[in-house]
Amino acid sequence: VQLVESGGGLVQPGGSLRLSCAASGFTFRYYFMTWYRQAPGK
């Protein structure tokens, strides 16, 4: 199983970004997917 995120960067408040996660090693269409985040100290 491999998951590779991309699309992050620096943006001003009020701006937009689109993140992508490319999956391999399993039959992707059968699986529930989630996004998590972790800020420093949290």
All heavy atoms as atom14 arrays in JSON, in Angstrom:
{
  "sequence": "VQLVESGGGLVQPGGSLRLSCAASGFTFRYYFMTWYRQAPGK",
  "atom14_mask": [
    [1, 1, 1, 1, 1, 1, 1, 0, 0, 0, 0, 0, 0, 0],
    [1, 1, 1, 1, 1, 1, 1, 1, 1, 0, 0, 0, 0, 0],
    [1, 1, 1, 1, 1, 1, 1, 1, 0, 0, 0, 0, 0, 0],
    [1, 1, 1, 1, 1, 1, 1, 0, 0, 0, 0, 0, 0, 0],
    [1, 1, 1, 1, 1, 1, 1, 1, 1, 0, 0, 0, 0, 0],
    [1, 1, 1, 1, 1, 1, 0, 0, 0, 0, 0, 0, 0, 0],
    [1, 1, 1, 1, 0, 0, 0, 0, 0, 0, 0, 0, 0, 0],
    [1, 1, 1, 1, 0, 0, 0, 0, 0, 0, 0, 0, 0, 0],
    [1, 1, 1, 1, 0, 0, 0, 0, 0, 0, 0, 0, 0, 0],
    [1, 1, 1, 1, 1, 1, 1, 1, 0, 0, 0, 0, 0, 0],
    [1, 1, 1, 1, 1, 1, 1, 0, 0, 0, 0, 0, 0, 0],
    [1, 1, 1, 1, 1, 1, 1, 1, 1, 0, 0, 0, 0, 0],
    [1, 1, 1, 1, 1, 1, 1, 0, 0, 0, 0, 0, 0, 0],
    [1, 1, 1, 1, 0, 0, 0, 0, 0, 0, 0, 0, 0, 0],
    [1, 1, 1, 1, 0, 0, 0, 0, 0, 0, 0, 0, 0, 0],
    [1, 1, 1, 1, 1, 1, 0, 0, 0, 0, 0, 0, 0, 0],
    [1, 1, 1, 1, 1, 1, 1, 1, 0, 0, 0, 0, 0, 0],
    [1, 1, 1, 1, 1, 1, 1, 1, 1, 1, 1, 0, 0, 0],
    [1, 1, 1, 1, 1, 1, 1, 1, 0, 0, 0, 0, 0, 0],
    [1, 1, 1, 1, 1, 1, 0, 0, 0, 0, 0, 0, 0, 0],
    [1, 1, 1, 1, 1, 1, 0, 0, 0, 0, 0, 0, 0, 0],
    [1, 1, 1, 1, 1, 0, 0, 0, 0, 0, 0, 0, 0, 0],
    [1, 1, 1, 1, 1, 0, 0, 0, 0, 0, 0, 0, 0, 0],
    [1, 1, 1, 1, 1, 1, 0, 0, 0, 0, 0, 0, 0, 0],
    [1, 1, 1, 1, 0, 0, 0, 0, 0, 0, 0, 0, 0, 0],
    [1, 1, 1, 1, 1, 1, 1, 1, 1, 1, 1, 0, 0, 0],
    [1, 1, 1, 1, 1, 1, 1, 0, 0, 0, 0, 0, 0, 0],
    [1, 1, 1, 1, 1, 1, 1, 1, 1, 1, 1, 0, 0, 0],
    [1, 1, 1, 1, 1, 1, 1, 1, 1, 1, 1, 0, 0, 0],
    [1, 1, 1, 1, 1, 1, 1, 1, 1, 1, 1, 1, 0, 0],
    [1, 1, 1, 1, 1, 1, 1, 1, 1, 1, 1, 1, 0, 0],
    [1, 1, 1, 1, 1, 1, 1, 1, 1, 1, 1, 0, 0, 0],
    [1, 1, 1, 1, 1, 1, 1, 1, 0, 0, 0, 0, 0, 0],
    [1, 1, 1, 1, 1, 1, 1, 0, 0, 0, 0, 0, 0, 0],
    [1, 1, 1, 1, 1, 1, 1, 1, 1, 1, 1, 1, 1, 1],
    [1, 1, 1, 1, 1, 1, 1, 1, 1, 1, 1, 1, 0, 0],
    [1, 1, 1, 1, 1, 1, 1, 1, 1, 1, 1, 0, 0, 0],
    [1, 1, 1, 1, 1, 1, 1, 1, 1, 0, 0, 0, 0, 0],
    [1, 1, 1, 1, 1, 0, 0, 0, 0, 0, 0, 0, 0, 0],
    [1, 1, 1, 1, 1, 1, 1, 0, 0, 0, 0, 0, 0, 0],
    [1, 1, 1, 1, 0, 0, 0, 0, 0, 0, 0, 0, 0, 0],
    [1, 1, 1, 1, 1, 1, 1, 1, 1, 0, 0, 0, 0, 0]
  ],
  "atom14_positions": [
    [[0.85, -1.18, 0.0], [0.0, 0.0, 0.0], [0.89, 1.24, 0.0], [1.8, 1.36, 0.82], [-0.92, 0.01, 1.21], [-1.69, 1.33, 1.31], [-1.88, -1.17, 1.15], [0.0, 0.0, 0.0], [0.0, 0.0, 0.0], [0.0, 0.0, 0.0], [0.0, 0.0, 0.0], [0.0, 0.0, 0.0], [0.0, 0.0, 0.0], [0.0, 0.0, 0.0]],
    [[0.6, 2.16, -0.92], [1.31, 3.42, -0.96], [0.32, 4.56, -1.16], [-0.58, 4.47, -1.98], [2.35, 3.44, -2.09], [3.5, 2.48, -1.87], [4.58, 2.64, -2.93], [4.41, 3.36, -3.91], [5.69, 1.96, -2.73], [0.0, 0.0, 0.0], [0.0, 0.0, 0.0], [0.0, 0.0, 0.0], [0.0, 0.0, 0.0], [0.0, 0.0, 0.0]],
    [[0.53, 5.62, -0.4], [-0.26, 6.84, -0.51], [0.7, 8.0, -0.61], [1.58, 8.15, 0.24], [-1.16, 7.02, 0.72], [-2.15, 5.88, 1.01], [-2.81, 6.09, 2.37], [-3.22, 5.8, -0.07], [0.0, 0.0, 0.0], [0.0, 0.0, 0.0], [0.0, 0.0, 0.0], [0.0, 0.0, 0.0], [0.0, 0.0, 0.0], [0.0, 0.0, 0.0]],
    [[0.54, 8.83, -1.63], [1.47, 9.93, -1.87], [0.68, 11.22, -2.01], [-0.05, 11.41, -3.0], [2.33, 9.68, -3.13], [3.29, 10.85, -3.34], [3.1, 8.38, -3.0], [0.0, 0.0, 0.0], [0.0, 0.0, 0.0], [0.0, 0.0, 0.0], [0.0, 0.0, 0.0], [0.0, 0.0, 0.0], [0.0, 0.0, 0.0], [0.0, 0.0, 0.0]],
    [[0.83, 12.11, -1.03], [0.15, 13.39, -1.05], [0.95, 14.43, -1.82], [2.18, 14.39, -1.86], [-0.07, 13.92, 0.37], [-0.9, 13.02, 1.27], [-0.04, 12.13, 2.15], [1.12, 11.84, 1.78], [-0.54, 11.71, 3.22], [0.0, 0.0, 0.0], [0.0, 0.0, 0.0], [0.0, 0.0, 0.0], [0.0, 0.0, 0.0], [0.0, 0.0, 0.0]],
    [[0.24, 15.38, -2.4], [0.87, 16.5, -3.08], [-0.09, 17.68, -3.08], [-1.27, 17.54, -2.77], [1.27, 16.14, -4.51], [0.14, 15.8, -5.29], [0.0, 0.0, 0.0], [0.0, 0.0, 0.0], [0.0, 0.0, 0.0], [0.0, 0.0, 0.0], [0.0, 0.0, 0.0], [0.0, 0.0, 0.0], [0.0, 0.0, 0.0], [0.0, 0.0, 0.0]],
    [[0.42, 18.85, -3.44], [-0.41, 20.03, -3.6], [-0.33, 21.05, -2.5], [-0.93, 22.13, -2.61], [0.0, 0.0, 0.0], [0.0, 0.0, 0.0], [0.0, 0.0, 0.0], [0.0, 0.0, 0.0], [0.0, 0.0, 0.0], [0.0, 0.0, 0.0], [0.0, 0.0, 0.0], [0.0, 0.0, 0.0], [0.0, 0.0, 0.0], [0.0, 0.0, 0.0]],
    [[0.41, 20.75, -1.45], [0.55, 21.71, -0.38], [1.44, 22.88, -0.78], [2.06, 22.89, -1.83], [0.0, 0.0, 0.0], [0.0, 0.0, 0.0], [0.0, 0.0, 0.0], [0.0, 0.0, 0.0], [0.0, 0.0, 0.0], [0.0, 0.0, 0.0], [0.0, 0.0, 0.0], [0.0, 0.0, 0.0], [0.0, 0.0, 0.0], [0.0, 0.0, 0.0]],
    [[1.46, 23.89, 0.08], [2.27, 25.06, -0.18], [1.9, 26.2, 0.73], [1.18, 26.03, 1.71], [0.0, 0.0, 0.0], [0.0, 0.0, 0.0], [0.0, 0.0, 0.0], [0.0, 0.0, 0.0], [0.0, 0.0, 0.0], [0.0, 0.0, 0.0], [0.0, 0.0, 0.0], [0.0, 0.0, 0.0], [0.0, 0.0, 0.0], [0.0, 0.0, 0.0]],
    [[2.39, 27.38, 0.38], [2.13, 28.6, 1.12], [1.01, 29.38, 0.44], [1.06, 29.61, -0.78], [3.39, 29.45, 1.19], [3.28, 30.83, 1.84], [2.92, 30.7, 3.31], [4.58, 31.59, 1.66], [0.0, 0.0, 0.0], [0.0, 0.0, 0.0], [0.0, 0.0, 0.0], [0.0, 0.0, 0.0], [0.0, 0.0, 0.0], [0.0, 0.0, 0.0]],
    [[0.02, 29.78, 1.21], [-1.1, 30.52, 0.67], [-1.52, 31.59, 1.66], [-1.36, 31.43, 2.88], [-2.28, 29.56, 0.34], [-2.83, 28.92, 1.6], [-3.37, 30.27, -0.45], [0.0, 0.0, 0.0], [0.0, 0.0, 0.0], [0.0, 0.0, 0.0], [0.0, 0.0, 0.0], [0.0, 0.0, 0.0], [0.0, 0.0, 0.0], [0.0, 0.0, 0.0]],
    [[-2.04, 32.7, 1.15], [-2.52, 33.77, 2.02], [-3.88, 33.42, 2.61], [-4.64, 32.64, 2.03], [-2.63, 35.07, 1.23], [-1.3, 35.63, 0.77], [-1.44, 36.97, 0.07], [-2.53, 37.38, -0.3], [-0.33, 37.66, -0.12], [0.0, 0.0, 0.0], [0.0, 0.0, 0.0], [0.0, 0.0, 0.0], [0.0, 0.0, 0.0], [0.0, 0.0, 0.0]],
    [[-4.2, 34.0, 3.77], [-5.55, 33.79, 4.31], [-6.62, 34.16, 3.28], [-6.51, 35.16, 2.58], [-5.59, 34.73, 5.51], [-4.16, 34.83, 5.93], [-3.37, 34.81, 4.65], [0.0, 0.0, 0.0], [0.0, 0.0, 0.0], [0.0, 0.0, 0.0], [0.0, 0.0, 0.0], [0.0, 0.0, 0.0], [0.0, 0.0, 0.0], [0.0, 0.0, 0.0]],
    [[-7.65, 33.33, 3.22], [-8.7, 33.51, 2.23], [-8.44, 32.81, 0.92], [-9.35, 32.72, 0.08], [0.0, 0.0, 0.0], [0.0, 0.0, 0.0], [0.0, 0.0, 0.0], [0.0, 0.0, 0.0], [0.0, 0.0, 0.0], [0.0, 0.0, 0.0], [0.0, 0.0, 0.0], [0.0, 0.0, 0.0], [0.0, 0.0, 0.0], [0.0, 0.0, 0.0]],
    [[-7.25, 32.29, 0.73], [-6.89, 31.61, -0.5], [-7.35, 30.16, -0.53], [-8.0, 29.68, 0.39], [0.0, 0.0, 0.0], [0.0, 0.0, 0.0], [0.0, 0.0, 0.0], [0.0, 0.0, 0.0], [0.0, 0.0, 0.0], [0.0, 0.0, 0.0], [0.0, 0.0, 0.0], [0.0, 0.0, 0.0], [0.0, 0.0, 0.0], [0.0, 0.0, 0.0]],
    [[-6.96, 29.48, -1.6], [-7.38, 28.1, -1.83], [-6.21, 27.23, -2.24], [-5.24, 27.7, -2.84], [-8.43, 28.04, -2.94], [-9.6, 28.75, -2.6], [0.0, 0.0, 0.0], [0.0, 0.0, 0.0], [0.0, 0.0, 0.0], [0.0, 0.0, 0.0], [0.0, 0.0, 0.0], [0.0, 0.0, 0.0], [0.0, 0.0, 0.0], [0.0, 0.0, 0.0]],
    [[-6.32, 25.96, -1.91], [-5.4, 24.92, -2.37], [-6.19, 23.66, -2.63], [-7.2, 23.41, -1.98], [-4.32, 24.62, -1.33], [-3.18, 25.61, -1.12], [-2.35, 25.17, 0.09], [-2.31, 25.71, -2.35], [0.0, 0.0, 0.0], [0.0, 0.0, 0.0], [0.0, 0.0, 0.0], [0.0, 0.0, 0.0], [0.0, 0.0, 0.0], [0.0, 0.0, 0.0]],
    [[-5.69, 22.85, -3.55], [-6.24, 21.51, -3.76], [-5.15, 20.49, -3.5], [-4.11, 20.49, -4.17], [-6.78, 21.33, -5.18], [-7.23, 19.89, -5.45], [-7.85, 19.71, -6.82], [-9.23, 20.2, -6.82], [-10.06, 20.05, -7.85], [-9.64, 19.45, -8.96], [-11.29, 20.53, -7.76], [0.0, 0.0, 0.0], [0.0, 0.0, 0.0], [0.0, 0.0, 0.0]],
    [[-5.38, 19.62, -2.54], [-4.47, 18.54, -2.24], [-4.89, 17.28, -2.98], [-6.08, 17.03, -3.17], [-4.45, 18.24, -0.74], [-4.17, 19.42, 0.19], [-4.09, 18.93, 1.63], [-2.9, 20.15, -0.2], [0.0, 0.0, 0.0], [0.0, 0.0, 0.0], [0.0, 0.0, 0.0], [0.0, 0.0, 0.0], [0.0, 0.0, 0.0], [0.0, 0.0, 0.0]],
    [[-3.91, 16.48, -3.37], [-4.16, 15.2, -4.02], [-3.46, 14.1, -3.26], [-2.4, 14.31, -2.67], [-3.65, 15.22, -5.46], [-4.31, 16.2, -6.23], [0.0, 0.0, 0.0], [0.0, 0.0, 0.0], [0.0, 0.0, 0.0], [0.0, 0.0, 0.0], [0.0, 0.0, 0.0], [0.0, 0.0, 0.0], [0.0, 0.0, 0.0], [0.0, 0.0, 0.0]],
    [[-4.03, 12.91, -3.3], [-3.41, 11.73, -2.74], [-3.52, 10.61, -3.75], [-4.64, 10.15, -4.05], [-4.08, 11.34, -1.42], [-3.49, 9.79, -0.71], [0.0, 0.0, 0.0], [0.0, 0.0, 0.0], [0.0, 0.0, 0.0], [0.0, 0.0, 0.0], [0.0, 0.0, 0.0], [0.0, 0.0, 0.0], [0.0, 0.0, 0.0], [0.0, 0.0, 0.0]],
    [[-2.39, 10.19, -4.28], [-2.35, 9.1, -5.26], [-2.13, 7.79, -4.54], [-1.18, 7.64, -3.77], [-1.23, 9.35, -6.26], [0.0, 0.0, 0.0], [0.0, 0.0, 0.0], [0.0, 0.0, 0.0], [0.0, 0.0, 0.0], [0.0, 0.0, 0.0], [0.0, 0.0, 0.0], [0.0, 0.0, 0.0], [0.0, 0.0, 0.0], [0.0, 0.0, 0.0]],
    [[-3.0, 6.82, -4.8], [-2.98, 5.54, -4.1], [-2.55, 4.41, -5.02], [-2.85, 4.42, -6.22], [-4.36, 5.23, -3.53], [0.0, 0.0, 0.0], [0.0, 0.0, 0.0], [0.0, 0.0, 0.0], [0.0, 0.0, 0.0], [0.0, 0.0, 0.0], [0.0, 0.0, 0.0], [0.0, 0.0, 0.0], [0.0, 0.0, 0.0], [0.0, 0.0, 0.0]],
    [[-1.87, 3.43, -4.45], [-1.5, 2.23, -5.18], [-1.34, 1.07, -4.21], [-1.24, 1.27, -3.0], [-0.2, 2.45, -5.98], [0.88, 2.74, -5.13], [0.0, 0.0, 0.0], [0.0, 0.0, 0.0], [0.0, 0.0, 0.0], [0.0, 0.0, 0.0], [0.0, 0.0, 0.0], [0.0, 0.0, 0.0], [0.0, 0.0, 0.0], [0.0, 0.0, 0.0]],
    [[-1.32, -0.14, -4.74], [-1.09, -1.32, -3.92], [-2.34, -1.97, -3.37], [-2.25, -2.95, -2.63], [0.0, 0.0, 0.0], [0.0, 0.0, 0.0], [0.0, 0.0, 0.0], [0.0, 0.0, 0.0], [0.0, 0.0, 0.0], [0.0, 0.0, 0.0], [0.0, 0.0, 0.0], [0.0, 0.0, 0.0], [0.0, 0.0, 0.0], [0.0, 0.0, 0.0]],
    [[-3.49, -1.44, -3.7], [-4.76, -2.02, -3.28], [-5.84, -1.57, -4.25], [-5.61, -0.66, -5.05], [-5.11, -1.64, -1.83], [-5.29, -0.17, -1.6], [-6.55, 0.39, -1.47], [-4.19, 0.68, -1.49], [-6.72, 1.75, -1.24], [-4.34, 2.04, -1.26], [-5.61, 2.57, -1.13], [0.0, 0.0, 0.0], [0.0, 0.0, 0.0], [0.0, 0.0, 0.0]],
    [[-6.99, -2.2, -4.17], [-8.08, -1.87, -5.07], [-8.81, -0.64, -4.54], [-9.75, -0.74, -3.75], [-9.03, -3.06, -5.25], [-8.28, -4.21, -5.63], [-10.05, -2.76, -6.34], [0.0, 0.0, 0.0], [0.0, 0.0, 0.0], [0.0, 0.0, 0.0], [0.0, 0.0, 0.0], [0.0, 0.0, 0.0], [0.0, 0.0, 0.0], [0.0, 0.0, 0.0]],
    [[-8.34, 0.5, -4.97], [-8.74, 1.78, -4.41], [-10.25, 1.95, -4.36], [-10.78, 2.47, -3.35], [-8.1, 2.9, -5.24], [-8.43, 4.29, -4.81], [-7.79, 4.87, -3.74], [-9.39, 5.02, -5.5], [-8.08, 6.16, -3.35], [-9.69, 6.32, -5.12], [-9.03, 6.89, -4.04], [0.0, 0.0, 0.0], [0.0, 0.0, 0.0], [0.0, 0.0, 0.0]],
    [[-10.97, 1.57, -5.36], [-12.39, 1.84, -5.45], [-13.22, 1.15, -4.39], [-14.4, 1.48, -4.22], [-12.92, 1.49, -6.84], [-12.91, 0.01, -7.16], [-13.39, -0.21, -8.59], [-13.44, -1.62, -8.94], [-12.42, -2.33, -9.41], [-11.23, -1.75, -9.59], [-12.56, -3.61, -9.71], [0.0, 0.0, 0.0], [0.0, 0.0, 0.0], [0.0, 0.0, 0.0]],
    [[-12.65, 0.18, -3.67], [-13.36, -0.53, -2.62], [-13.19, 0.1, -1.24], [-13.82, -0.36, -0.28], [-12.89, -1.98, -2.51], [-13.17, -2.85, -3.71], [-12.37, -3.96, -3.97], [-14.24, -2.59, -4.56], [-12.62, -4.78, -5.06], [-14.49, -3.41, -5.65], [-13.67, -4.5, -5.89], [-13.93, -5.32, -6.97], [0.0, 0.0, 0.0], [0.0, 0.0, 0.0]],
    [[-12.37, 1.14, -1.1], [-11.96, 1.58, 0.22], [-12.39, 3.0, 0.57], [-12.32, 3.93, -0.24], [-10.43, 1.45, 0.37], [-10.02, 0.02, 0.51], [-9.83, -0.78, -0.61], [-9.87, -0.55, 1.77], [-9.48, -2.11, -0.49], [-9.53, -1.89, 1.9], [-9.34, -2.65, 0.76], [-9.0, -3.98, 0.89], [0.0, 0.0, 0.0], [0.0, 0.0, 0.0]],
    [[-12.81, 3.13, 1.82], [-13.06, 4.38, 2.49], [-11.74, 5.15, 2.61], [-10.71, 4.57, 2.94], [-13.61, 4.02, 3.87], [-14.1, 5.13, 4.73], [-15.42, 5.56, 4.65], [-13.28, 5.71, 5.67], [-15.9, 6.54, 5.49], [-13.74, 6.69, 6.52], [-15.07, 7.11, 6.41], [0.0, 0.0, 0.0], [0.0, 0.0, 0.0], [0.0, 0.0, 0.0]],
    [[-11.75, 6.45, 2.34], [-10.55, 7.27, 2.42], [-10.78, 8.46, 3.34], [-11.89, 8.98, 3.44], [-10.13, 7.78, 1.04], [-9.77, 6.68, 0.04], [-8.27, 5.74, 0.51], [-7.02, 7.03, 0.44], [0.0, 0.0, 0.0], [0.0, 0.0, 0.0], [0.0, 0.0, 0.0], [0.0, 0.0, 0.0], [0.0, 0.0, 0.0], [0.0, 0.0, 0.0]],
    [[-9.7, 8.9, 3.98], [-9.79, 10.03, 4.89], [-8.6, 10.97, 4.7], [-7.54, 10.57, 4.21], [-9.81, 9.58, 6.36], [-8.64, 8.82, 6.65], [-11.04, 8.74, 6.65], [0.0, 0.0, 0.0], [0.0, 0.0, 0.0], [0.0, 0.0, 0.0], [0.0, 0.0, 0.0], [0.0, 0.0, 0.0], [0.0, 0.0, 0.0], [0.0, 0.0, 0.0]],
    [[-8.81, 12.21, 5.1], [-7.74, 13.19, 5.25], [-7.63, 13.56, 6.73], [-8.64, 13.82, 7.38], [-8.01, 14.47, 4.45], [-7.78, 14.35, 2.98], [-8.71, 14.12, 2.02], [-6.52, 14.51, 2.3], [-8.12, 14.11, 0.78], [-6.78, 14.34, 0.92], [-5.22, 14.77, 2.73], [-5.77, 14.44, -0.04], [-4.22, 14.85, 1.77], [-4.5, 14.68, 0.41]],
    [[-6.4, 13.58, 7.21], [-6.07, 14.05, 8.54], [-5.1, 15.22, 8.43], [-4.48, 15.43, 7.38], [-5.39, 12.96, 9.37], [-6.3, 11.86, 9.88], [-6.78, 10.87, 9.04], [-6.65, 11.8, 11.23], [-7.59, 9.86, 9.51], [-7.45, 10.78, 11.72], [-7.92, 9.82, 10.85], [-8.72, 8.81, 11.33], [0.0, 0.0, 0.0], [0.0, 0.0, 0.0]],
    [[-4.96, 15.96, 9.52], [-3.93, 16.98, 9.58], [-3.31, 17.02, 10.96], [-3.94, 16.61, 11.95], [-4.46, 18.36, 9.19], [-5.47, 18.94, 10.17], [-6.03, 20.25, 9.62], [-6.97, 20.87, 10.54], [-7.71, 21.93, 10.25], [-7.6, 22.51, 9.05], [-8.54, 22.43, 11.15], [0.0, 0.0, 0.0], [0.0, 0.0, 0.0], [0.0, 0.0, 0.0]],
    [[-2.08, 17.5, 11.03], [-1.39, 17.63, 12.29], [-0.61, 18.94, 12.3], [0.28, 19.15, 11.48], [-0.45, 16.46, 12.54], [0.16, 16.46, 13.93], [0.84, 15.15, 14.27], [1.26, 14.41, 13.38], [0.94, 14.85, 15.55], [0.0, 0.0, 0.0], [0.0, 0.0, 0.0], [0.0, 0.0, 0.0], [0.0, 0.0, 0.0], [0.0, 0.0, 0.0]],
    [[-0.95, 19.8, 13.24], [-0.25, 21.05, 13.44], [0.82, 20.86, 14.5], [0.72, 19.97, 15.35], [-1.22, 22.15, 13.86], [0.0, 0.0, 0.0], [0.0, 0.0, 0.0], [0.0, 0.0, 0.0], [0.0, 0.0, 0.0], [0.0, 0.0, 0.0], [0.0, 0.0, 0.0], [0.0, 0.0, 0.0], [0.0, 0.0, 0.0], [0.0, 0.0, 0.0]],
    [[1.86, 21.7, 14.5], [2.91, 21.57, 15.52], [2.35, 21.62, 16.93], [1.55, 22.49, 17.26], [3.82, 22.77, 15.24], [3.61, 23.06, 13.79], [2.16, 22.77, 13.54], [0.0, 0.0, 0.0], [0.0, 0.0, 0.0], [0.0, 0.0, 0.0], [0.0, 0.0, 0.0], [0.0, 0.0, 0.0], [0.0, 0.0, 0.0], [0.0, 0.0, 0.0]],
    [[2.76, 20.66, 17.75], [2.32, 20.61, 19.13], [0.93, 20.07, 19.35], [0.46, 20.05, 20.5], [0.0, 0.0, 0.0], [0.0, 0.0, 0.0], [0.0, 0.0, 0.0], [0.0, 0.0, 0.0], [0.0, 0.0, 0.0], [0.0, 0.0, 0.0], [0.0, 0.0, 0.0], [0.0, 0.0, 0.0], [0.0, 0.0, 0.0], [0.0, 0.0, 0.0]],
    [[0.26, 19.64, 18.3], [-1.09, 19.13, 18.42], [-1.18, 17.7, 17.91], [-0.34, 17.25, 17.14], [-2.07, 20.01, 17.65], [-2.21, 21.41, 18.19], [-3.29, 22.18, 17.46], [-3.48, 23.57, 18.05], [-4.57, 24.31, 17.35], [0.0, 0.0, 0.0], [0.0, 0.0, 0.0], [0.0, 0.0, 0.0], [0.0, 0.0, 0.0], [0.0, 0.0, 0.0]]
  ]
}
